[in-house]
Amino acid sequence: MHGLLAIESSQRSISVAIRCRDGAIKERSPVGDPRQSDLLLPAIVALCDDAKISSAELCAVAVSTGPGGFTGLRVGIATAKGICEALSIPAIDVPSASVAAMGQRSQWWPRAQKVIVTLSAKGEECWMTTVEAGMDGVLSVREQEWYRWSEHDAFDPGSALVLVADDHLPPELKKRAIDAGMSIVTPVFAAKDCLVIAESMFMRGEVTDSVGLRVRYPREPEAITLWRARYPDGFTPKKPS
């Protein structure tokens, strides 16, 4: 199924991928900080040129929707919305936890049918997602919830053998995962993995109008928290003198 474009911008590095006519996946990962310059749109244009896919051939745009970085997610979703609206094509809302699970799938599947992914961790809090794989390896999100951990909380990984987590994993959760015999692996976020997940979703009819795309923020983004602290009474632009 050629012409499906995938965007992964939930982290500070970004990537885009597309399925070519011959079945191959092409991917580009521009170098630089997407918060400082426009890297995404030029990468998409270059990717489509490289794959010899015209805009008229795009059938849908998949985007990793978080949790993740405030700026990267907003840029990725805004770009996906713009393309979908301009071409009148659907969007595919891909949870970033699924992308992370796919990126490390070789570490847990087929030995286990599910994996636990933690994202957006801060202090003793994190967004925890259980991702399952079918017999064909197709991933789906089963449970997701915002957790605050303490030494009194129970942790039952069930049949999960692997915890996908970055360096911000809550210490108490890390200890409990290790005590449960789980391996802890670093998440990998790549547009090619977002693309593979999105293709399965597309075939199942799991598409959406791009207007409905929303960022998954388990808590208020820090940028907004800082803004509220700086302007507790609201922001009033200064009138020119």
C-alpha atoms as a PDB file:
ATOM      1  CA  MET A   1       0.000   0.000   0.000  1.00  0.00           C
ATOM      2  CA  HIS A   2       2.051   2.921  -1.244  1.00  0.00           C
ATOM      3  CA  GLY A   3       1.421   6.552  -0.466  1.00  0.00           C
ATOM      4  CA  LEU A   4       0.965   6.423   3.305  1.00  0.00           C
ATOM      5  CA  LEU A   5       3.107   9.088   4.964  1.00  0.00           C
ATOM      6  CA  ALA A   6       4.189   8.787   8.618  1.00  0.00           C
ATOM      7  CA  ILE A   7       5.502  11.515  10.921  1.00  0.00           C
ATOM      8  CA  GLU A   8       7.356  10.853  14.187  1.00  0.00           C
ATOM      9  CA  SER A   9       8.126  14.095  16.014  1.00  0.00           C
ATOM     10  CA  SER A  10       7.263  13.236  19.608  1.00  0.00           C
ATOM     11  CA  GLN A  11      10.912  13.551  20.639  1.00  0.00           C
ATOM     12  CA  ARG A  12      13.626  16.114  19.956  1.00  0.00           C
ATOM     13  CA  SER A  13      14.749  14.198  16.882  1.00  0.00           C
ATOM     14  CA  ILE A  14      12.225  13.797  14.078  1.00  0.00           C
ATOM     15  CA  SER A  15      11.764  11.407  11.171  1.00  0.00           C
ATOM     16  CA  VAL A  16       9.365  10.825   8.296  1.00  0.00           C
ATOM     17  CA  ALA A  17       8.675   7.658   6.311  1.00  0.00           C
ATOM     18  CA  ILE A  18       6.667   6.549   3.311  1.00  0.00           C
ATOM     19  CA  ARG A  19       5.806   3.272   1.592  1.00  0.00           C
ATOM     20  CA  CYS A  20       7.028   3.172  -2.023  1.00  0.00           C
ATOM     21  CA  ARG A  21       5.360   1.533  -5.002  1.00  0.00           C
ATOM     22  CA  ASP A  22       7.752  -1.424  -4.846  1.00  0.00           C
ATOM     23  CA  GLY A  23       6.851  -2.075  -1.199  1.00  0.00           C
ATOM     24  CA  ALA A  24      10.039  -0.633   0.242  1.00  0.00           C
ATOM     25  CA  ILE A  25       9.969   1.915   3.073  1.00  0.00           C
ATOM     26  CA  LYS A  26      11.947   5.108   2.681  1.00  0.00           C
ATOM     27  CA  GLU A  27      12.762   7.179   5.758  1.00  0.00           C
ATOM     28  CA  ARG A  28      14.461  10.501   6.401  1.00  0.00           C
ATOM     29  CA  SER A  29      15.764  11.842   9.703  1.00  0.00           C
ATOM     30  CA  PRO A  30      16.821  15.485   9.315  1.00  0.00           C
ATOM     31  CA  VAL A  31      19.623  16.658  11.565  1.00  0.00           C
ATOM     32  CA  GLY A  32      18.982  19.621  13.831  1.00  0.00           C
ATOM     33  CA  ASP A  33      16.665  20.914  16.526  1.00  0.00           C
ATOM     34  CA  PRO A  34      13.060  21.155  15.240  1.00  0.00           C
ATOM     35  CA  ARG A  35      12.355  23.737  17.938  1.00  0.00           C
ATOM     36  CA  GLN A  36      14.787  26.131  16.286  1.00  0.00           C
ATOM     37  CA  SER A  37      14.102  25.679  12.562  1.00  0.00           C
ATOM     38  CA  ASP A  38      11.611  24.174  10.131  1.00  0.00           C
ATOM     39  CA  LEU A  39      12.945  20.684   9.473  1.00  0.00           C
ATOM     40  CA  LEU A  40       9.753  18.713   9.020  1.00  0.00           C
ATOM     41  CA  LEU A  41       8.182  20.064   5.822  1.00  0.00           C
ATOM     42  CA  PRO A  42      11.466  20.120   3.851  1.00  0.00           C
ATOM     43  CA  ALA A  43      12.081  16.520   4.974  1.00  0.00           C
ATOM     44  CA  ILE A  44       8.625  15.462   3.751  1.00  0.00           C
ATOM     45  CA  VAL A  45       9.138  17.141   0.371  1.00  0.00           C
ATOM     46  CA  ALA A  46      12.573  15.529  -0.022  1.00  0.00           C
ATOM     47  CA  LEU A  47      11.212  12.138   1.057  1.00  0.00           C
ATOM     48  CA  CYS A  48       8.376  12.201  -1.477  1.00  0.00           C
ATOM     49  CA  ASP A  49      10.796  13.292  -4.219  1.00  0.00           C
ATOM     50  CA  ASP A  50      13.170  10.471  -3.295  1.00  0.00           C
ATOM     51  CA  ALA A  51      10.331   7.930  -3.304  1.00  0.00           C
ATOM     52  CA  LYS A  52       8.889   9.415  -6.520  1.00  0.00           C
ATOM     53  CA  ILE A  53       5.509   9.765  -4.808  1.00  0.00           C
ATOM     54  CA  SER A  54       3.456  12.808  -5.822  1.00  0.00           C
ATOM     55  CA  SER A  55       1.134  14.606  -3.419  1.00  0.00           C
ATOM     56  CA  ALA A  56      -1.831  13.255  -5.407  1.00  0.00           C
ATOM     57  CA  GLU A  57      -0.750   9.712  -4.484  1.00  0.00           C
ATOM     58  CA  LEU A  58      -0.779  10.274  -0.717  1.00  0.00           C
ATOM     59  CA  CYS A  59      -3.642   8.245   0.773  1.00  0.00           C
ATOM     60  CA  ALA A  60      -3.301   9.214   4.447  1.00  0.00           C
ATOM     61  CA  VAL A  61      -0.958  10.847   6.940  1.00  0.00           C
ATOM     62  CA  ALA A  62      -0.075   9.030  10.154  1.00  0.00           C
ATOM     63  CA  VAL A  63       1.345  10.983  13.063  1.00  0.00           C
ATOM     64  CA  SER A  64       2.719   9.967  16.451  1.00  0.00           C
ATOM     65  CA  THR A  65       0.519  11.910  18.899  1.00  0.00           C
ATOM     66  CA  GLY A  66       2.249  11.496  22.252  1.00  0.00           C
ATOM     67  CA  PRO A  67       2.886  11.671  25.059  1.00  0.00           C
ATOM     68  CA  GLY A  68       6.107  13.423  24.190  1.00  0.00           C
ATOM     69  CA  GLY A  69       7.706  16.810  23.718  1.00  0.00           C
ATOM     70  CA  PHE A  70       5.413  19.851  23.668  1.00  0.00           C
ATOM     71  CA  THR A  71       6.843  21.572  20.584  1.00  0.00           C
ATOM     72  CA  GLY A  72       7.584  18.462  18.511  1.00  0.00           C
ATOM     73  CA  LEU A  73       4.099  17.026  18.935  1.00  0.00           C
ATOM     74  CA  ARG A  74       2.394  20.302  18.102  1.00  0.00           C
ATOM     75  CA  VAL A  75       4.510  20.784  14.977  1.00  0.00           C
ATOM     76  CA  GLY A  76       3.953  17.185  13.824  1.00  0.00           C
ATOM     77  CA  ILE A  77       0.192  17.294  14.329  1.00  0.00           C
ATOM     78  CA  ALA A  78      -0.152  20.755  12.768  1.00  0.00           C
ATOM     79  CA  THR A  79       1.791  19.552   9.721  1.00  0.00           C
ATOM     80  CA  ALA A  80      -0.326  16.396   9.425  1.00  0.00           C
ATOM     81  CA  LYS A  81      -3.520  18.464   9.671  1.00  0.00           C
ATOM     82  CA  GLY A  82      -2.348  20.863   6.988  1.00  0.00           C
ATOM     83  CA  ILE A  83      -1.469  18.103   4.530  1.00  0.00           C
ATOM     84  CA  CYS A  84      -4.691  16.181   5.178  1.00  0.00           C
ATOM     85  CA  GLU A  85      -6.863  19.273   4.807  1.00  0.00           C
ATOM     86  CA  ALA A  86      -5.086  20.379   1.623  1.00  0.00           C
ATOM     87  CA  LEU A  87      -5.403  16.958  -0.018  1.00  0.00           C
ATOM     88  CA  SER A  88      -8.732  15.882   1.536  1.00  0.00           C
ATOM     89  CA  ILE A  89      -7.229  12.666   2.904  1.00  0.00           C
ATOM     90  CA  PRO A  90      -7.678  11.045   6.333  1.00  0.00           C
ATOM     91  CA  ALA A  91      -5.281  11.106   9.272  1.00  0.00           C
ATOM     92  CA  ILE A  92      -4.173   8.199  11.441  1.00  0.00           C
ATOM     93  CA  ASP A  93      -3.689   8.855  15.157  1.00  0.00           C
ATOM     94  CA  VAL A  94      -0.814   6.638  16.353  1.00  0.00           C
ATOM     95  CA  PRO A  95      -0.034   6.551  20.109  1.00  0.00           C
ATOM     96  CA  SER A  96       3.669   7.201  20.686  1.00  0.00           C
ATOM     97  CA  ALA A  97       3.739   4.264  23.116  1.00  0.00           C
ATOM     98  CA  SER A  98       2.935   1.960  20.192  1.00  0.00           C
ATOM     99  CA  VAL A  99       5.812   3.447  18.208  1.00  0.00           C
ATOM    100  CA  ALA A 100       8.184   2.865  21.148  1.00  0.00           C
ATOM    101  CA  ALA A 101       6.935  -0.715  21.539  1.00  0.00           C
ATOM    102  CA  MET A 102       7.402  -1.406  17.818  1.00  0.00           C
ATOM    103  CA  GLY A 103      10.890   0.071  17.911  1.00  0.00           C
ATOM    104  CA  GLN A 104      11.905  -2.543  20.496  1.00  0.00           C
ATOM    105  CA  ARG A 105       9.590  -5.363  19.366  1.00  0.00           C
ATOM    106  CA  SER A 106      12.485  -7.758  18.801  1.00  0.00           C
ATOM    107  CA  GLN A 107      13.253  -7.514  22.537  1.00  0.00           C
ATOM    108  CA  TRP A 108       9.887  -8.935  23.631  1.00  0.00           C
ATOM    109  CA  TRP A 109       7.906 -10.507  20.776  1.00  0.00           C
ATOM    110  CA  PRO A 110       7.171 -13.388  20.164  1.00  0.00           C
ATOM    111  CA  ARG A 111       8.535 -14.449  23.571  1.00  0.00           C
ATOM    112  CA  ALA A 112       5.756 -12.398  25.153  1.00  0.00           C
ATOM    113  CA  GLN A 113       2.483 -11.061  23.798  1.00  0.00           C
ATOM    114  CA  LYS A 114       2.620  -7.742  25.616  1.00  0.00           C
ATOM    115  CA  VAL A 115       5.029  -5.054  26.710  1.00  0.00           C
ATOM    116  CA  ILE A 116       4.744  -2.138  29.145  1.00  0.00           C
ATOM    117  CA  VAL A 117       5.810   1.316  27.970  1.00  0.00           C
ATOM    118  CA  THR A 118       6.336   4.328  30.248  1.00  0.00           C
ATOM    119  CA  LEU A 119       6.466   7.833  28.802  1.00  0.00           C
ATOM    120  CA  SER A 120       6.430  11.430  30.017  1.00  0.00           C
ATOM    121  CA  ALA A 121       7.932  10.396  33.363  1.00  0.00           C
ATOM    122  CA  LYS A 122       8.647  13.108  35.941  1.00  0.00           C
ATOM    123  CA  GLY A 123       9.536  12.465  39.556  1.00  0.00           C
ATOM    124  CA  GLU A 124       7.385   9.555  40.709  1.00  0.00           C
ATOM    125  CA  GLU A 125       4.821  10.015  37.937  1.00  0.00           C
ATOM    126  CA  CYS A 126       4.607   8.503  34.468  1.00  0.00           C
ATOM    127  CA  TRP A 127       2.207   7.624  31.682  1.00  0.00           C
ATOM    128  CA  MET A 128       2.046   3.827  31.537  1.00  0.00           C
ATOM    129  CA  THR A 129       0.737   1.929  28.516  1.00  0.00           C
ATOM    130  CA  THR A 130       0.285  -1.799  27.957  1.00  0.00           C
ATOM    131  CA  VAL A 131       0.777  -2.712  24.308  1.00  0.00           C
ATOM    132  CA  GLU A 132      -0.177  -6.150  23.009  1.00  0.00           C
ATOM    133  CA  ALA A 133       0.835  -7.995  19.866  1.00  0.00           C
ATOM    134  CA  GLY A 134      -1.325 -10.468  17.994  1.00  0.00           C
ATOM    135  CA  MET A 135      -0.028 -13.704  16.520  1.00  0.00           C
ATOM    136  CA  ASP A 136       0.912 -11.725  13.408  1.00  0.00           C
ATOM    137  CA  GLY A 137       2.817  -9.159  15.473  1.00  0.00           C
ATOM    138  CA  VAL A 138       0.294  -6.362  14.902  1.00  0.00           C
ATOM    139  CA  LEU A 139       0.281  -4.027  17.912  1.00  0.00           C
ATOM    140  CA  SER A 140      -2.655  -2.529  19.773  1.00  0.00           C
ATOM    141  CA  VAL A 141      -2.972  -0.470  22.949  1.00  0.00           C
ATOM    142  CA  ARG A 142      -4.837  -2.294  25.715  1.00  0.00           C
ATOM    143  CA  GLU A 143      -4.442  -0.107  28.809  1.00  0.00           C
ATOM    144  CA  GLN A 144      -3.095   3.373  29.441  1.00  0.00           C
ATOM    145  CA  GLU A 145      -3.135   5.415  32.594  1.00  0.00           C
ATOM    146  CA  TRP A 146      -1.324   8.164  34.483  1.00  0.00           C
ATOM    147  CA  TYR A 147       0.413   6.742  37.577  1.00  0.00           C
ATOM    148  CA  ARG A 148       2.045   8.225  40.635  1.00  0.00           C
ATOM    149  CA  TRP A 149       4.219   5.611  42.300  1.00  0.00           C
ATOM    150  CA  SER A 150       5.002   5.059  45.964  1.00  0.00           C
ATOM    151  CA  GLU A 151       6.605   2.269  47.920  1.00  0.00           C
ATOM    152  CA  HIS A 152       3.136   1.033  48.894  1.00  0.00           C
ATOM    153  CA  ASP A 153       1.871   0.531  45.328  1.00  0.00           C
ATOM    154  CA  ALA A 154       1.592  -2.953  43.899  1.00  0.00           C
ATOM    155  CA  PHE A 155       3.111  -3.679  40.494  1.00  0.00           C
ATOM    156  CA  ASP A 156       1.929  -6.689  38.536  1.00  0.00           C
ATOM    157  CA  PRO A 157       3.486  -6.896  35.055  1.00  0.00           C
ATOM    158  CA  GLY A 158       1.512 -10.028  34.251  1.00  0.00           C
ATOM    159  CA  SER A 159       3.089 -11.791  31.286  1.00  0.00           C
ATOM    160  CA  ALA A 160       5.128  -8.759  30.235  1.00  0.00           C
ATOM    161  CA  LEU A 161       8.857  -9.476  30.246  1.00  0.00           C
ATOM    162  CA  VAL A 162      10.098  -6.062  29.125  1.00  0.00           C
ATOM    163  CA  LEU A 163       9.575  -2.499  30.321  1.00  0.00           C
ATOM    164  CA  VAL A 164      10.314   0.177  27.703  1.00  0.00           C
ATOM    165  CA  ALA A 165      11.446   3.296  29.563  1.00  0.00           C
ATOM    166  CA  ASP A 166      13.931   6.147  29.385  1.00  0.00           C
ATOM    167  CA  ASP A 167      16.264   7.511  32.063  1.00  0.00           C
ATOM    168  CA  HIS A 168      13.401   9.374  33.744  1.00  0.00           C
ATOM    169  CA  LEU A 169      11.676   6.175  34.852  1.00  0.00           C
ATOM    170  CA  PRO A 170      10.401   6.618  38.446  1.00  0.00           C
ATOM    171  CA  PRO A 171      12.958   4.943  40.767  1.00  0.00           C
ATOM    172  CA  GLU A 172      10.325   2.978  42.684  1.00  0.00           C
ATOM    173  CA  LEU A 173       8.840   1.595  39.481  1.00  0.00           C
ATOM    174  CA  LYS A 174      12.300   0.707  38.189  1.00  0.00           C
ATOM    175  CA  LYS A 175      13.046  -1.204  41.390  1.00  0.00           C
ATOM    176  CA  ARG A 176       9.754  -3.094  41.213  1.00  0.00           C
ATOM    177  CA  ALA A 177      10.266  -3.979  37.539  1.00  0.00           C
ATOM    178  CA  ILE A 178      13.727  -5.356  38.236  1.00  0.00           C
ATOM    179  CA  ASP A 179      12.423  -7.296  41.255  1.00  0.00           C
ATOM    180  CA  ALA A 180       9.784  -8.793  38.947  1.00  0.00           C
ATOM    181  CA  GLY A 181      12.521 -10.016  36.610  1.00  0.00           C
ATOM    182  CA  MET A 182      11.755  -7.579  33.814  1.00  0.00           C
ATOM    183  CA  SER A 183      14.319  -6.238  31.373  1.00  0.00           C
ATOM    184  CA  ILE A 184      14.358  -2.463  30.928  1.00  0.00           C
ATOM    185  CA  VAL A 185      15.100  -1.226  27.415  1.00  0.00           C
ATOM    186  CA  THR A 186      15.383   2.296  26.029  1.00  0.00           C
ATOM    187  CA  PRO A 187      12.530   3.421  23.737  1.00  0.00           C
ATOM    188  CA  VAL A 188      13.209   3.904  20.040  1.00  0.00           C
ATOM    189  CA  PHE A 189      11.039   6.355  18.096  1.00  0.00           C
ATOM    190  CA  ALA A 190      11.157   6.048  14.306  1.00  0.00           C
ATOM    191  CA  ALA A 191       8.751   7.038  11.553  1.00  0.00           C
ATOM    192  CA  LYS A 192       9.167   3.646   9.846  1.00  0.00           C
ATOM    193  CA  ASP A 193       7.689   1.977  12.940  1.00  0.00           C
ATOM    194  CA  CYS A 194       4.883   4.539  13.051  1.00  0.00           C
ATOM    195  CA  LEU A 195       4.224   3.700   9.387  1.00  0.00           C
ATOM    196  CA  VAL A 196       3.962  -0.065   9.979  1.00  0.00           C
ATOM    197  CA  ILE A 197       1.501   0.470  12.843  1.00  0.00           C
ATOM    198  CA  ALA A 198      -0.508   2.979  10.794  1.00  0.00           C
ATOM    199  CA  GLU A 199      -0.834   0.606   7.844  1.00  0.00           C
ATOM    200  CA  SER A 200      -2.524  -1.995  10.048  1.00  0.00           C
ATOM    201  CA  MET A 201      -4.798   0.701  11.471  1.00  0.00           C
ATOM    202  CA  PHE A 202      -5.629   1.923   7.969  1.00  0.00           C
ATOM    203  CA  MET A 203      -6.594  -1.585   6.863  1.00  0.00           C
ATOM    204  CA  ARG A 204      -8.896  -1.867   9.893  1.00  0.00           C
ATOM    205  CA  GLY A 205     -10.522   1.452   9.025  1.00  0.00           C
ATOM    206  CA  GLU A 206      -9.043   3.209  12.081  1.00  0.00           C
ATOM    207  CA  VAL A 207      -8.686   6.624  10.467  1.00  0.00           C
ATOM    208  CA  THR A 208      -9.935  10.027  11.553  1.00  0.00           C
ATOM    209  CA  ASP A 209     -10.709  13.443  10.203  1.00  0.00           C
ATOM    210  CA  SER A 210      -7.539  15.485  10.738  1.00  0.00           C
ATOM    211  CA  VAL A 211      -9.546  18.133  12.597  1.00  0.00           C
ATOM    212  CA  GLY A 212      -9.970  15.615  15.414  1.00  0.00           C
ATOM    213  CA  LEU A 213      -6.242  15.045  15.927  1.00  0.00           C
ATOM    214  CA  ARG A 214      -5.197  15.898  19.479  1.00  0.00           C
ATOM    215  CA  VAL A 215      -1.935  15.733  21.388  1.00  0.00           C
ATOM    216  CA  ARG A 216      -1.861  13.165  24.204  1.00  0.00           C
ATOM    217  CA  TYR A 217      -0.710  15.185  27.220  1.00  0.00           C
ATOM    218  CA  PRO A 218      -1.072  13.211  30.475  1.00  0.00           C
ATOM    219  CA  ARG A 219      -0.472  16.402  32.443  1.00  0.00           C
ATOM    220  CA  GLU A 220      -0.347  20.089  31.647  1.00  0.00           C
ATOM    221  CA  PRO A 221       2.765  20.742  29.531  1.00  0.00           C
ATOM    222  CA  GLU A 222       5.580  22.431  31.430  1.00  0.00           C
ATOM    223  CA  ALA A 223       5.617  25.299  28.941  1.00  0.00           C
ATOM    224  CA  ILE A 224       2.022  26.119  29.872  1.00  0.00           C
ATOM    225  CA  THR A 225       2.696  25.697  33.610  1.00  0.00           C
ATOM    226  CA  LEU A 226       5.589  28.156  33.365  1.00  0.00           C
ATOM    227  CA  TRP A 227       3.432  30.570  31.356  1.00  0.00           C
ATOM    228  CA  ARG A 228       0.704  30.500  34.026  1.00  0.00           C
ATOM    229  CA  ALA A 229       3.302  31.112  36.745  1.00  0.00           C
ATOM    230  CA  ARG A 230       4.734  34.047  34.833  1.00  0.00           C
ATOM    231  CA  TYR A 231       1.356  35.591  34.060  1.00  0.00           C
ATOM    232  CA  PRO A 232      -0.981  34.544  36.918  1.00  0.00           C
ATOM    233  CA  ASP A 233      -3.488  37.257  35.993  1.00  0.00           C
ATOM    234  CA  GLY A 234      -3.363  36.531  32.276  1.00  0.00           C
ATOM    235  CA  PHE A 235      -1.253  38.073  29.554  1.00  0.00           C
ATOM    236  CA  THR A 236      -2.089  41.575  28.348  1.00  0.00           C
ATOM    237  CA  PRO A 237      -0.057  42.819  25.371  1.00  0.00           C
ATOM    238  CA  LYS A 238       1.570  46.189  25.892  1.00  0.00           C
ATOM    239  CA  LYS A 239       0.121  49.009  23.882  1.00  0.00           C
ATOM    240  CA  PRO A 240       2.593  50.747  21.591  1.00  0.00           C
ATOM    241  CA  SER A 241       3.784  54.036  23.040  1.00  0.00           C
END
